[in-house]
Amino acid sequence: MALPFFYIDSYESTSATLTLNEETSKHVVQVLRMKEGEQLNLTDGKGNLLTAVITSAHKKNCVVQIQAVSHQPQAERKVSIAISLVKNSSRFEWFLEKATEIGVAEIIPLICSRTERQHFRYDRMKGIVVSAMLQSQQTWLPVLHEPVKFEEYIRQTSSAEENGVLFRPTGTSDGSLKLIAHCEETQKNSITNVQIDQFEHSILLIGPEGDFTSTEIAAAITAGYQPVMLGETRLRTETAGVVGAALLCISK
């Protein structure tokens, strides 16, 4: 039976013991009713997997002793999804959960011209990403950004390209494949026909309910984004994000 799996904010390799935060301690001691001498797994979301044993089962500051540490390398090819916020925040939360389970490296919430912006509760959203990482037994936590305006994100990627370096998530050193999925009746390739495996990093832009504006699409293409379609049917924003994430990650 797999050991219970928990997240820690940071890990110092010199540490022999760790005190879990109050929320995790409560879950370990009160919810799971774990006791001293029982084992659990921990990860810092940066590839480290720690096996530890409980030495003090306190509901507010549970202490564990580290028994073994291993490091799992991140995938060589990384996927970033830059996706518009949606009116129904629960749908965006669903996207975060599924994209994390699929294995994306980075999520950038976008504010587009047609975005019906909702209050973005970063702590809640990150908590969903953490939970999905643990549920799917991963040790790499996707980088979740604060919302950024579409124009600013395009400017960042465009200016980086002009300097000979494409915008990329932390830890990526080579060029990026930049894609934009939209619904306008213009020339587009199917994402399944794009040579994804030639790039170490792929960025996919997903628009809001109502799609990107023509101006936004033109700005993205000018910045080096290739227009693609994700299938023959029109998808909701959050569904398109999950489908795009799956297609890009499966090809890794």
Protein backbone atom coordinates (compact mmCIF):
# COMPACT_ATOMS: atom_id res chain seq x y z
CA MET A 1 0.00 0.00 0.00
CA ALA A 2 1.32 3.42 -0.98
CA LEU A 3 2.41 5.71 1.84
CA PRO A 4 0.42 8.92 2.48
CA PHE A 5 1.87 11.77 0.43
CA PHE A 6 2.22 15.39 1.60
CA TYR A 7 3.65 18.71 0.41
CA ILE A 8 6.27 20.81 2.20
CA ASP A 9 7.17 24.38 1.19
CA SER A 10 10.90 23.79 1.22
CA TYR A 11 13.56 21.23 2.06
CA GLU A 12 17.15 21.70 3.19
CA SER A 13 19.36 18.73 2.43
CA THR A 14 21.13 19.16 5.78
CA SER A 15 17.90 18.64 7.73
CA ALA A 16 17.48 15.34 9.58
CA THR A 17 14.03 16.22 10.92
CA LEU A 18 11.12 18.38 9.77
CA THR A 19 8.22 19.99 11.57
CA LEU A 20 5.11 19.91 9.41
CA ASN A 21 2.91 22.99 9.26
CA GLU A 22 -0.33 23.08 11.22
CA GLU A 23 -2.59 22.20 8.29
CA THR A 24 -0.54 19.14 7.31
CA SER A 25 -0.04 18.12 10.93
CA LYS A 26 -3.79 18.20 11.51
CA HIS A 27 -4.41 16.06 8.43
CA VAL A 28 -1.75 13.54 9.44
CA VAL A 29 -2.70 13.26 13.12
CA GLN A 30 -6.42 14.03 13.29
CA VAL A 31 -7.76 13.00 9.88
CA LEU A 32 -5.57 10.00 9.08
CA ARG A 33 -4.95 9.24 12.79
CA MET A 34 -1.31 8.43 12.11
CA LYS A 35 0.89 7.74 15.11
CA GLU A 36 4.57 7.82 16.06
CA GLY A 37 6.57 5.24 14.15
CA GLU A 38 4.40 5.38 11.02
CA GLN A 39 5.91 6.37 7.67
CA LEU A 40 4.84 8.93 5.11
CA ASN A 41 6.17 10.54 1.93
CA LEU A 42 6.89 14.24 1.42
CA THR A 43 7.79 16.38 -1.57
CA ASP A 44 8.82 20.01 -1.96
CA GLY A 45 7.45 20.17 -5.52
CA LYS A 46 10.99 20.52 -6.88
CA GLY A 47 11.66 16.87 -7.59
CA ASN A 48 12.63 15.79 -4.07
CA LEU A 49 10.86 12.75 -2.62
CA LEU A 50 11.38 12.20 1.11
CA THR A 51 10.41 9.12 3.09
CA ALA A 52 10.04 9.97 6.77
CA VAL A 53 8.81 8.48 10.04
CA ILE A 54 6.69 10.32 12.60
CA THR A 55 8.58 11.00 15.83
CA SER A 56 6.08 13.38 17.47
CA ALA A 57 2.41 13.05 16.51
CA HIS A 58 1.26 16.51 17.54
CA LYS A 59 -1.82 17.87 15.75
CA LYS A 60 -0.33 21.36 15.34
CA ASN A 61 3.37 20.65 14.75
CA CYS A 62 3.96 17.04 13.84
CA VAL A 63 7.68 16.18 13.72
CA VAL A 64 9.12 13.62 11.32
CA GLN A 65 12.58 12.14 10.89
CA ILE A 66 13.84 11.78 7.33
CA GLN A 67 14.85 8.24 6.41
CA ALA A 68 15.53 8.49 2.68
CA VAL A 69 15.70 11.17 -0.01
CA SER A 70 15.61 10.74 -3.77
CA HIS A 71 15.45 13.27 -6.58
CA GLN A 72 13.28 12.74 -9.62
CA PRO A 73 14.36 14.72 -12.71
CA GLN A 74 11.86 16.99 -14.42
CA ALA A 75 10.67 16.06 -17.90
CA GLU A 76 13.12 17.14 -20.59
CA ARG A 77 10.36 18.83 -22.59
CA LYS A 78 8.10 21.23 -20.73
CA VAL A 79 4.60 22.47 -21.46
CA SER A 80 3.20 25.89 -20.51
CA ILE A 81 -0.49 26.72 -20.80
CA ALA A 82 -1.43 30.42 -20.89
CA ILE A 83 -5.21 30.42 -20.50
CA SER A 84 -7.88 33.05 -20.00
CA LEU A 85 -9.70 33.22 -16.70
CA VAL A 86 -13.36 32.23 -17.00
CA LYS A 87 -16.54 33.59 -15.43
CA ASN A 88 -17.19 30.42 -13.44
CA SER A 89 -14.17 30.07 -11.17
CA SER A 90 -14.97 26.42 -10.41
CA ARG A 91 -14.36 25.61 -14.06
CA PHE A 92 -10.96 27.26 -13.93
CA GLU A 93 -10.18 25.29 -10.78
CA TRP A 94 -11.14 22.12 -12.64
CA PHE A 95 -8.68 23.05 -15.38
CA LEU A 96 -5.90 23.64 -12.83
CA GLU A 97 -6.52 20.24 -11.30
CA LYS A 98 -6.54 18.32 -14.58
CA ALA A 99 -3.62 20.20 -16.15
CA THR A 100 -1.52 19.42 -13.07
CA GLU A 101 -2.46 15.75 -13.19
CA ILE A 102 -1.52 15.65 -16.88
CA GLY A 103 1.92 17.07 -16.09
CA VAL A 104 2.17 20.67 -17.33
CA ALA A 105 5.16 22.65 -16.08
CA GLU A 106 3.65 26.13 -15.98
CA ILE A 107 0.21 27.77 -15.92
CA ILE A 108 -0.29 31.45 -16.78
CA PRO A 109 -3.80 32.88 -16.17
CA LEU A 110 -4.56 35.47 -18.85
CA ILE A 111 -6.76 38.56 -18.83
CA CYS A 112 -7.94 39.07 -22.40
CA SER A 113 -10.25 41.63 -24.00
CA ARG A 114 -13.25 39.34 -23.61
CA THR A 115 -12.30 37.86 -20.25
CA GLU A 116 -15.07 38.22 -17.68
CA ARG A 117 -12.59 38.64 -14.90
CA GLN A 118 -13.24 37.06 -11.53
CA HIS A 119 -11.38 37.59 -8.29
CA PHE A 120 -8.31 35.34 -8.50
CA ARG A 121 -7.60 33.83 -5.10
CA TYR A 122 -3.99 32.78 -5.58
CA ASP A 123 -3.64 30.82 -2.33
CA ARG A 124 -6.76 28.78 -3.09
CA MET A 125 -5.66 28.15 -6.68
CA LYS A 126 -2.19 27.05 -5.60
CA GLY A 127 -3.75 24.74 -3.03
CA ILE A 128 -5.69 23.03 -5.83
CA VAL A 129 -2.49 22.59 -7.83
CA VAL A 130 -0.68 21.15 -4.80
CA SER A 131 -3.52 18.71 -4.10
CA ALA A 132 -3.56 17.57 -7.74
CA MET A 133 0.21 17.05 -7.71
CA LEU A 134 -0.06 14.86 -4.61
CA GLN A 135 -3.08 12.95 -5.90
CA SER A 136 -1.23 12.10 -9.10
CA GLN A 137 1.91 11.10 -7.16
CA GLN A 138 4.19 13.69 -8.76
CA THR A 139 7.15 15.52 -7.24
CA TRP A 140 7.22 18.56 -9.54
CA LEU A 141 4.75 21.34 -8.80
CA PRO A 142 3.68 23.41 -11.83
CA VAL A 143 4.64 27.07 -11.65
CA LEU A 144 1.38 28.99 -11.17
CA HIS A 145 1.57 32.67 -12.03
CA GLU A 146 -0.58 35.59 -10.98
CA PRO A 147 -2.97 36.73 -13.76
CA VAL A 148 -1.33 38.81 -16.49
CA LYS A 149 -2.86 40.92 -19.27
CA PHE A 150 -2.72 39.27 -22.69
CA GLU A 151 -0.86 42.22 -24.21
CA GLU A 152 1.78 42.10 -21.48
CA TYR A 153 2.33 38.37 -21.89
CA ILE A 154 2.69 38.73 -25.64
CA ARG A 155 5.08 41.63 -25.11
CA GLN A 156 7.20 39.47 -22.79
CA THR A 157 7.41 36.63 -25.28
CA SER A 158 7.99 38.96 -28.21
CA SER A 159 10.76 40.99 -26.53
CA ALA A 160 12.45 37.80 -25.36
CA GLU A 161 12.43 36.48 -28.93
CA GLU A 162 13.91 39.72 -30.23
CA ASN A 163 16.80 39.22 -27.82
CA GLY A 164 17.35 35.72 -29.14
CA VAL A 165 15.78 33.99 -26.13
CA LEU A 166 12.19 32.74 -26.18
CA PHE A 167 10.03 33.12 -23.09
CA ARG A 168 10.24 29.97 -21.03
CA PRO A 169 9.50 28.60 -17.56
CA THR A 170 12.10 28.28 -14.85
CA GLY A 171 14.69 25.65 -15.69
CA THR A 172 14.18 25.63 -19.47
CA SER A 173 17.28 26.55 -21.42
CA ASP A 174 16.41 26.14 -25.10
CA GLY A 175 13.88 27.49 -27.61
CA SER A 176 10.12 27.33 -27.40
CA LEU A 177 7.31 26.32 -29.71
CA LYS A 178 4.60 29.00 -29.45
CA LEU A 179 1.01 28.12 -30.34
CA ILE A 180 -2.34 29.91 -30.18
CA ALA A 181 -5.66 28.05 -30.38
CA HIS A 182 -8.56 30.16 -31.65
CA CYS A 183 -11.90 29.72 -33.39
CA GLU A 184 -11.68 32.17 -36.30
CA GLU A 185 -12.12 30.69 -39.78
CA THR A 186 -8.55 31.25 -40.92
CA GLN A 187 -5.69 28.99 -41.96
CA LYS A 188 -4.69 26.79 -39.03
CA ASN A 189 -2.84 23.53 -38.54
CA SER A 190 -4.12 20.74 -36.37
CA ILE A 191 -2.02 20.65 -33.21
CA THR A 192 -1.47 16.94 -33.89
CA ASN A 193 0.42 17.86 -37.09
CA VAL A 194 2.86 20.23 -35.36
CA GLN A 195 6.39 18.89 -34.84
CA ILE A 196 6.22 19.26 -31.07
CA ASP A 197 9.04 16.86 -30.31
CA GLN A 198 11.59 19.19 -31.93
CA PHE A 199 11.25 21.70 -29.09
CA GLU A 200 12.16 21.51 -25.41
CA HIS A 201 9.35 23.87 -24.44
CA SER A 202 5.86 24.42 -25.80
CA ILE A 203 3.56 27.35 -24.96
CA LEU A 204 -0.14 27.19 -25.83
CA LEU A 205 -2.47 30.21 -25.63
CA ILE A 206 -6.13 29.49 -24.86
CA GLY A 207 -8.71 32.28 -25.15
CA PRO A 208 -11.78 33.26 -23.11
CA GLU A 209 -15.44 32.46 -23.63
CA GLY A 210 -16.09 34.33 -26.88
CA ASP A 211 -12.53 33.65 -28.13
CA PHE A 212 -9.59 35.97 -28.66
CA THR A 213 -10.28 39.15 -30.64
CA SER A 214 -8.90 39.49 -34.16
CA THR A 215 -6.45 42.07 -32.80
CA GLU A 216 -5.18 39.66 -30.16
CA ILE A 217 -4.77 36.85 -32.67
CA ALA A 218 -2.84 39.13 -35.02
CA ALA A 219 -0.60 40.31 -32.17
CA ALA A 220 0.18 36.73 -31.17
CA ILE A 221 1.00 35.69 -34.74
CA THR A 222 3.26 38.73 -35.09
CA ALA A 223 5.02 37.60 -31.89
CA GLY A 224 5.73 34.20 -33.43
CA TYR A 225 2.72 32.13 -32.33
CA GLN A 226 1.43 29.53 -34.78
CA PRO A 227 -2.39 29.27 -35.03
CA VAL A 228 -3.69 25.76 -34.33
CA MET A 229 -6.96 23.95 -33.84
CA LEU A 230 -7.52 21.35 -31.14
CA GLY A 231 -10.20 19.34 -32.94
CA GLU A 232 -13.32 19.58 -35.05
CA THR A 233 -15.65 20.81 -32.29
CA ARG A 234 -15.75 24.11 -30.42
CA LEU A 235 -14.55 23.64 -26.85
CA ARG A 236 -15.09 25.57 -23.66
CA THR A 237 -12.03 27.47 -22.44
CA GLU A 238 -11.24 25.03 -19.64
CA THR A 239 -11.86 21.99 -21.88
CA ALA A 240 -9.57 23.42 -24.56
CA GLY A 241 -6.89 23.92 -21.91
CA VAL A 242 -7.09 20.31 -20.80
CA VAL A 243 -7.16 18.93 -24.37
CA GLY A 244 -4.20 21.11 -25.37
CA ALA A 245 -2.27 20.10 -22.27
CA ALA A 246 -2.92 16.42 -22.91
CA LEU A 247 -1.88 16.58 -26.57
CA LEU A 248 1.31 18.48 -25.80
CA CYS A 249 2.28 16.37 -22.77
CA ILE A 250 1.57 13.04 -24.44
CA SER A 251 4.04 13.95 -27.17
CA LYS A 252 6.85 14.56 -24.63
